[in-house]
Amino acid sequence: MALQDLAQSPFRVVDEINQGMDPRNERMVHERMVDIACQENTSQYFLVTPKLLPGLKYHEKMKVHVINSGEHIPVAQGIESEWDLSHMAKIALAVRRSVAVA
């Protein structure tokens, strides 16, 4: 992250930067990435990760896209509590409204 000021790029992809980190360091790195990515006149950032800690810092300029796919995603078997995307969307909107913005 320290060298990013030396090379301009329209976007940057950060792949699994948090893997193997303890929660304290993962929070610190995520917060630093949010600060860098939400500055004026900076690159667009894409963070690719299989997991994120709950309660991380987010900025109003950020957009979060969650993709649920892969062989380890359980198959819904008609049980109402499993993979009700409408219900998940309502939860996401409620969380978005309550997230502390930087």
N, C-alpha and C. Protein backbone atom coordinates (compact mmCIF):
# COMPACT_ATOMS: atom_id res chain seq x y z
N MET A 1 0.82 -1.19 0.00
CA MET A 1 0.00 0.00 0.00
C MET A 1 0.87 1.26 0.00
N ALA A 2 2.04 1.17 0.58
CA ALA A 2 2.90 2.34 0.69
C ALA A 2 3.40 2.81 -0.67
N LEU A 3 3.53 1.92 -1.63
CA LEU A 3 4.10 2.28 -2.93
C LEU A 3 3.04 2.72 -3.94
N GLN A 4 1.78 2.71 -3.58
CA GLN A 4 0.73 3.01 -4.55
C GLN A 4 0.76 4.44 -5.04
N ASP A 5 1.31 5.35 -4.27
CA ASP A 5 1.40 6.74 -4.73
C ASP A 5 2.39 6.90 -5.88
N LEU A 6 3.27 5.92 -6.08
CA LEU A 6 4.30 6.02 -7.12
C LEU A 6 3.80 5.61 -8.50
N ALA A 7 2.71 4.86 -8.55
CA ALA A 7 2.20 4.39 -9.84
C ALA A 7 0.69 4.66 -9.91
N GLN A 8 0.26 5.42 -10.90
CA GLN A 8 -1.15 5.73 -11.07
C GLN A 8 -1.82 4.59 -11.85
N SER A 9 -3.02 4.26 -11.44
CA SER A 9 -3.80 3.21 -12.09
C SER A 9 -5.28 3.54 -11.93
N PRO A 10 -6.11 3.27 -12.94
CA PRO A 10 -7.52 3.57 -12.81
C PRO A 10 -8.22 2.68 -11.77
N PHE A 11 -7.71 1.46 -11.58
CA PHE A 11 -8.27 0.59 -10.55
C PHE A 11 -7.20 -0.34 -10.01
N ARG A 12 -7.47 -0.88 -8.83
CA ARG A 12 -6.57 -1.82 -8.19
C ARG A 12 -7.40 -2.99 -7.66
N VAL A 13 -6.85 -4.19 -7.77
CA VAL A 13 -7.51 -5.38 -7.25
C VAL A 13 -6.66 -5.90 -6.10
N VAL A 14 -7.30 -6.06 -4.96
CA VAL A 14 -6.63 -6.58 -3.76
C VAL A 14 -7.26 -7.94 -3.49
N ASP A 15 -6.46 -8.99 -3.61
CA ASP A 15 -6.97 -10.35 -3.51
C ASP A 15 -6.56 -11.00 -2.20
N GLU A 16 -7.54 -11.28 -1.36
CA GLU A 16 -7.36 -12.03 -0.12
C GLU A 16 -6.25 -11.47 0.76
N ILE A 17 -6.17 -10.16 0.88
CA ILE A 17 -5.13 -9.53 1.70
C ILE A 17 -5.28 -9.91 3.17
N ASN A 18 -6.48 -10.27 3.58
CA ASN A 18 -6.74 -10.55 4.99
C ASN A 18 -6.53 -12.01 5.38
N GLN A 19 -6.18 -12.87 4.46
CA GLN A 19 -6.04 -14.28 4.78
C GLN A 19 -4.83 -14.51 5.68
N GLY A 20 -5.05 -15.26 6.74
CA GLY A 20 -3.98 -15.57 7.67
C GLY A 20 -3.74 -14.50 8.71
N MET A 21 -4.50 -13.42 8.69
CA MET A 21 -4.32 -12.35 9.67
C MET A 21 -5.18 -12.61 10.90
N ASP A 22 -4.69 -12.17 12.03
CA ASP A 22 -5.52 -12.21 13.22
C ASP A 22 -6.53 -11.06 13.11
N PRO A 23 -7.64 -11.13 13.85
CA PRO A 23 -8.69 -10.11 13.71
C PRO A 23 -8.21 -8.68 13.93
N ARG A 24 -7.30 -8.46 14.85
CA ARG A 24 -6.80 -7.11 15.12
C ARG A 24 -6.12 -6.52 13.89
N ASN A 25 -5.22 -7.28 13.28
CA ASN A 25 -4.51 -6.79 12.09
C ASN A 25 -5.44 -6.70 10.88
N GLU A 26 -6.38 -7.63 10.78
CA GLU A 26 -7.33 -7.57 9.66
C GLU A 26 -8.15 -6.27 9.73
N ARG A 27 -8.58 -5.90 10.93
CA ARG A 27 -9.33 -4.65 11.10
C ARG A 27 -8.46 -3.44 10.74
N MET A 28 -7.20 -3.45 11.17
CA MET A 28 -6.31 -2.32 10.88
C MET A 28 -6.08 -2.18 9.37
N VAL A 29 -5.81 -3.28 8.70
CA VAL A 29 -5.56 -3.24 7.25
C VAL A 29 -6.82 -2.82 6.51
N HIS A 30 -7.97 -3.36 6.90
CA HIS A 30 -9.23 -2.98 6.24
C HIS A 30 -9.49 -1.49 6.41
N GLU A 31 -9.31 -0.98 7.62
CA GLU A 31 -9.53 0.45 7.86
C GLU A 31 -8.59 1.30 7.01
N ARG A 32 -7.34 0.89 6.90
CA ARG A 32 -6.38 1.64 6.08
C ARG A 32 -6.78 1.61 4.61
N MET A 33 -7.24 0.44 4.14
CA MET A 33 -7.69 0.34 2.75
C MET A 33 -8.89 1.23 2.49
N VAL A 34 -9.83 1.29 3.44
CA VAL A 34 -11.00 2.16 3.30
C VAL A 34 -10.55 3.61 3.20
N ASP A 35 -9.63 4.01 4.06
CA ASP A 35 -9.13 5.39 4.04
C ASP A 35 -8.49 5.73 2.70
N ILE A 36 -7.68 4.81 2.20
CA ILE A 36 -6.98 5.05 0.92
C ILE A 36 -7.98 5.05 -0.24
N ALA A 37 -8.87 4.07 -0.26
CA ALA A 37 -9.80 3.91 -1.40
C ALA A 37 -10.83 5.03 -1.48
N CYS A 38 -11.12 5.69 -0.36
CA CYS A 38 -12.18 6.70 -0.36
C CYS A 38 -11.63 8.13 -0.40
N GLN A 39 -10.35 8.28 -0.65
CA GLN A 39 -9.77 9.61 -0.83
C GLN A 39 -10.24 10.18 -2.16
N GLU A 40 -10.12 11.49 -2.28
CA GLU A 40 -10.43 12.13 -3.57
C GLU A 40 -9.32 11.80 -4.57
N ASN A 41 -9.69 11.65 -5.84
CA ASN A 41 -8.74 11.43 -6.93
C ASN A 41 -7.85 10.22 -6.71
N THR A 42 -8.44 9.12 -6.32
CA THR A 42 -7.69 7.89 -6.14
C THR A 42 -8.23 6.82 -7.07
N SER A 43 -7.55 5.70 -7.13
CA SER A 43 -7.98 4.57 -7.95
C SER A 43 -9.24 3.95 -7.38
N GLN A 44 -9.94 3.23 -8.24
CA GLN A 44 -11.07 2.43 -7.77
C GLN A 44 -10.50 1.11 -7.26
N TYR A 45 -10.99 0.65 -6.12
CA TYR A 45 -10.47 -0.56 -5.50
C TYR A 45 -11.48 -1.69 -5.54
N PHE A 46 -10.99 -2.90 -5.78
CA PHE A 46 -11.79 -4.11 -5.70
C PHE A 46 -11.10 -5.01 -4.68
N LEU A 47 -11.80 -5.34 -3.61
CA LEU A 47 -11.28 -6.26 -2.61
C LEU A 47 -11.98 -7.60 -2.82
N VAL A 48 -11.21 -8.63 -3.09
CA VAL A 48 -11.74 -9.96 -3.31
C VAL A 48 -11.35 -10.80 -2.10
N THR A 49 -12.34 -11.35 -1.41
CA THR A 49 -12.06 -12.13 -0.22
C THR A 49 -13.19 -13.12 0.05
N PRO A 50 -12.85 -14.28 0.58
CA PRO A 50 -13.92 -15.24 0.91
C PRO A 50 -14.60 -14.91 2.24
N LYS A 51 -14.04 -13.99 3.02
CA LYS A 51 -14.64 -13.68 4.31
C LYS A 51 -14.26 -12.27 4.75
N LEU A 52 -15.12 -11.68 5.56
CA LEU A 52 -14.82 -10.41 6.22
C LEU A 52 -15.32 -10.50 7.65
N LEU A 53 -14.64 -9.83 8.54
CA LEU A 53 -15.06 -9.78 9.93
C LEU A 53 -16.33 -8.94 10.05
N PRO A 54 -17.16 -9.24 11.02
CA PRO A 54 -18.31 -8.36 11.26
C PRO A 54 -17.87 -7.05 11.90
N GLY A 55 -18.65 -6.00 11.67
CA GLY A 55 -18.39 -4.72 12.32
C GLY A 55 -17.21 -3.94 11.79
N LEU A 56 -16.81 -4.18 10.53
CA LEU A 56 -15.71 -3.42 9.95
C LEU A 56 -16.16 -2.01 9.58
N LYS A 57 -15.20 -1.12 9.44
CA LYS A 57 -15.47 0.27 9.06
C LYS A 57 -15.79 0.33 7.56
N TYR A 58 -16.85 1.05 7.23
CA TYR A 58 -17.20 1.29 5.83
C TYR A 58 -17.40 2.78 5.63
N HIS A 59 -17.31 3.23 4.40
CA HIS A 59 -17.43 4.63 4.06
C HIS A 59 -18.63 4.79 3.13
N GLU A 60 -19.26 5.94 3.18
CA GLU A 60 -20.44 6.15 2.35
C GLU A 60 -20.14 6.07 0.86
N LYS A 61 -18.89 6.24 0.45
CA LYS A 61 -18.52 6.14 -0.96
C LYS A 61 -18.34 4.69 -1.42
N MET A 62 -18.32 3.75 -0.47
CA MET A 62 -18.08 2.35 -0.80
C MET A 62 -19.35 1.65 -1.28
N LYS A 63 -19.16 0.70 -2.15
CA LYS A 63 -20.22 -0.21 -2.56
C LYS A 63 -19.72 -1.62 -2.26
N VAL A 64 -20.55 -2.42 -1.63
CA VAL A 64 -20.19 -3.79 -1.28
C VAL A 64 -21.07 -4.73 -2.08
N HIS A 65 -20.43 -5.64 -2.80
CA HIS A 65 -21.14 -6.64 -3.59
C HIS A 65 -20.78 -8.00 -3.03
N VAL A 66 -21.78 -8.77 -2.68
CA VAL A 66 -21.57 -10.11 -2.15
C VAL A 66 -22.02 -11.11 -3.20
N ILE A 67 -21.14 -12.04 -3.51
CA ILE A 67 -21.45 -13.07 -4.49
C ILE A 67 -21.44 -14.40 -3.76
N ASN A 68 -22.57 -15.06 -3.75
CA ASN A 68 -22.69 -16.37 -3.13
C ASN A 68 -22.70 -17.43 -4.22
N SER A 69 -21.58 -18.10 -4.38
CA SER A 69 -21.52 -19.19 -5.35
C SER A 69 -20.39 -20.12 -4.96
N GLY A 70 -20.40 -21.29 -5.53
CA GLY A 70 -19.33 -22.25 -5.27
C GLY A 70 -19.87 -23.56 -4.75
N GLU A 71 -19.01 -24.50 -4.67
CA GLU A 71 -19.43 -25.85 -4.30
C GLU A 71 -19.81 -25.98 -2.83
N HIS A 72 -19.41 -25.02 -2.00
CA HIS A 72 -19.69 -25.13 -0.57
C HIS A 72 -20.94 -24.37 -0.14
N ILE A 73 -21.67 -23.78 -1.07
CA ILE A 73 -22.91 -23.09 -0.76
C ILE A 73 -23.99 -24.16 -0.61
N PRO A 74 -24.69 -24.18 0.51
CA PRO A 74 -25.73 -25.21 0.69
C PRO A 74 -26.88 -25.03 -0.28
N VAL A 75 -27.46 -26.12 -0.67
CA VAL A 75 -28.58 -26.10 -1.59
C VAL A 75 -29.86 -25.91 -0.78
N ALA A 76 -30.66 -24.92 -1.15
CA ALA A 76 -31.92 -24.69 -0.46
C ALA A 76 -32.86 -25.85 -0.75
N GLN A 77 -33.49 -26.34 0.29
CA GLN A 77 -34.37 -27.50 0.13
C GLN A 77 -35.80 -27.15 0.52
N GLY A 78 -36.21 -25.93 0.17
CA GLY A 78 -37.56 -25.52 0.47
C GLY A 78 -37.76 -25.05 1.90
N ILE A 79 -36.72 -25.04 2.69
CA ILE A 79 -36.83 -24.56 4.06
C ILE A 79 -36.78 -23.04 4.02
N GLU A 80 -37.76 -22.40 4.63
CA GLU A 80 -37.90 -20.94 4.52
C GLU A 80 -36.67 -20.19 4.99
N SER A 81 -35.96 -20.71 5.99
CA SER A 81 -34.82 -19.98 6.55
C SER A 81 -33.58 -20.07 5.67
N GLU A 82 -33.57 -20.95 4.69
CA GLU A 82 -32.39 -21.11 3.85
C GLU A 82 -32.48 -20.28 2.57
N TRP A 83 -31.56 -19.41 2.35
CA TRP A 83 -31.36 -18.70 1.11
C TRP A 83 -32.60 -17.98 0.60
N ASP A 84 -33.26 -17.30 1.51
CA ASP A 84 -34.38 -16.44 1.13
C ASP A 84 -33.78 -15.09 0.73
N LEU A 85 -33.55 -14.91 -0.56
CA LEU A 85 -32.84 -13.72 -1.03
C LEU A 85 -33.60 -12.44 -0.73
N SER A 86 -34.90 -12.48 -0.74
CA SER A 86 -35.69 -11.30 -0.40
C SER A 86 -35.45 -10.90 1.06
N HIS A 87 -35.43 -11.90 1.93
CA HIS A 87 -35.16 -11.65 3.35
C HIS A 87 -33.73 -11.13 3.54
N MET A 88 -32.77 -11.71 2.82
CA MET A 88 -31.38 -11.26 2.91
C MET A 88 -31.25 -9.80 2.46
N ALA A 89 -31.98 -9.44 1.41
CA ALA A 89 -31.92 -8.06 0.91
C ALA A 89 -32.48 -7.09 1.94
N LYS A 90 -33.56 -7.47 2.61
CA LYS A 90 -34.12 -6.61 3.66
C LYS A 90 -33.13 -6.42 4.80
N ILE A 91 -32.46 -7.49 5.19
CA ILE A 91 -31.45 -7.39 6.25
C ILE A 91 -30.31 -6.48 5.80
N ALA A 92 -29.85 -6.66 4.56
CA ALA A 92 -28.74 -5.85 4.05
C ALA A 92 -29.11 -4.36 4.05
N LEU A 93 -30.33 -4.04 3.64
CA LEU A 93 -30.75 -2.64 3.64
C LEU A 93 -30.82 -2.08 5.06
N ALA A 94 -31.31 -2.87 5.99
CA ALA A 94 -31.38 -2.43 7.39
C ALA A 94 -29.99 -2.20 7.94
N VAL A 95 -29.07 -3.10 7.63
CA VAL A 95 -27.69 -2.95 8.10
C VAL A 95 -27.06 -1.73 7.48
N ARG A 96 -27.29 -1.55 6.19
CA ARG A 96 -26.70 -0.40 5.49
C ARG A 96 -27.15 0.93 6.13
N ARG A 97 -28.40 0.98 6.53
CA ARG A 97 -28.90 2.19 7.17
C ARG A 97 -28.29 2.42 8.54
N SER A 98 -27.88 1.34 9.19
CA SER A 98 -27.36 1.47 10.56
C SER A 98 -25.83 1.48 10.65
N VAL A 99 -25.12 1.27 9.52
CA VAL A 99 -23.66 1.22 9.54
C VAL A 99 -23.10 2.60 9.85
N ALA A 100 -22.14 2.62 10.75
CA ALA A 100 -21.47 3.90 11.07
C ALA A 100 -20.60 4.29 9.89
N VAL A 101 -20.82 5.46 9.37
CA VAL A 101 -20.08 5.93 8.19
C VAL A 101 -18.92 6.77 8.66
N ALA A 102 -17.78 6.56 8.00
CA ALA A 102 -16.55 7.29 8.37
C ALA A 102 -16.67 8.77 8.10
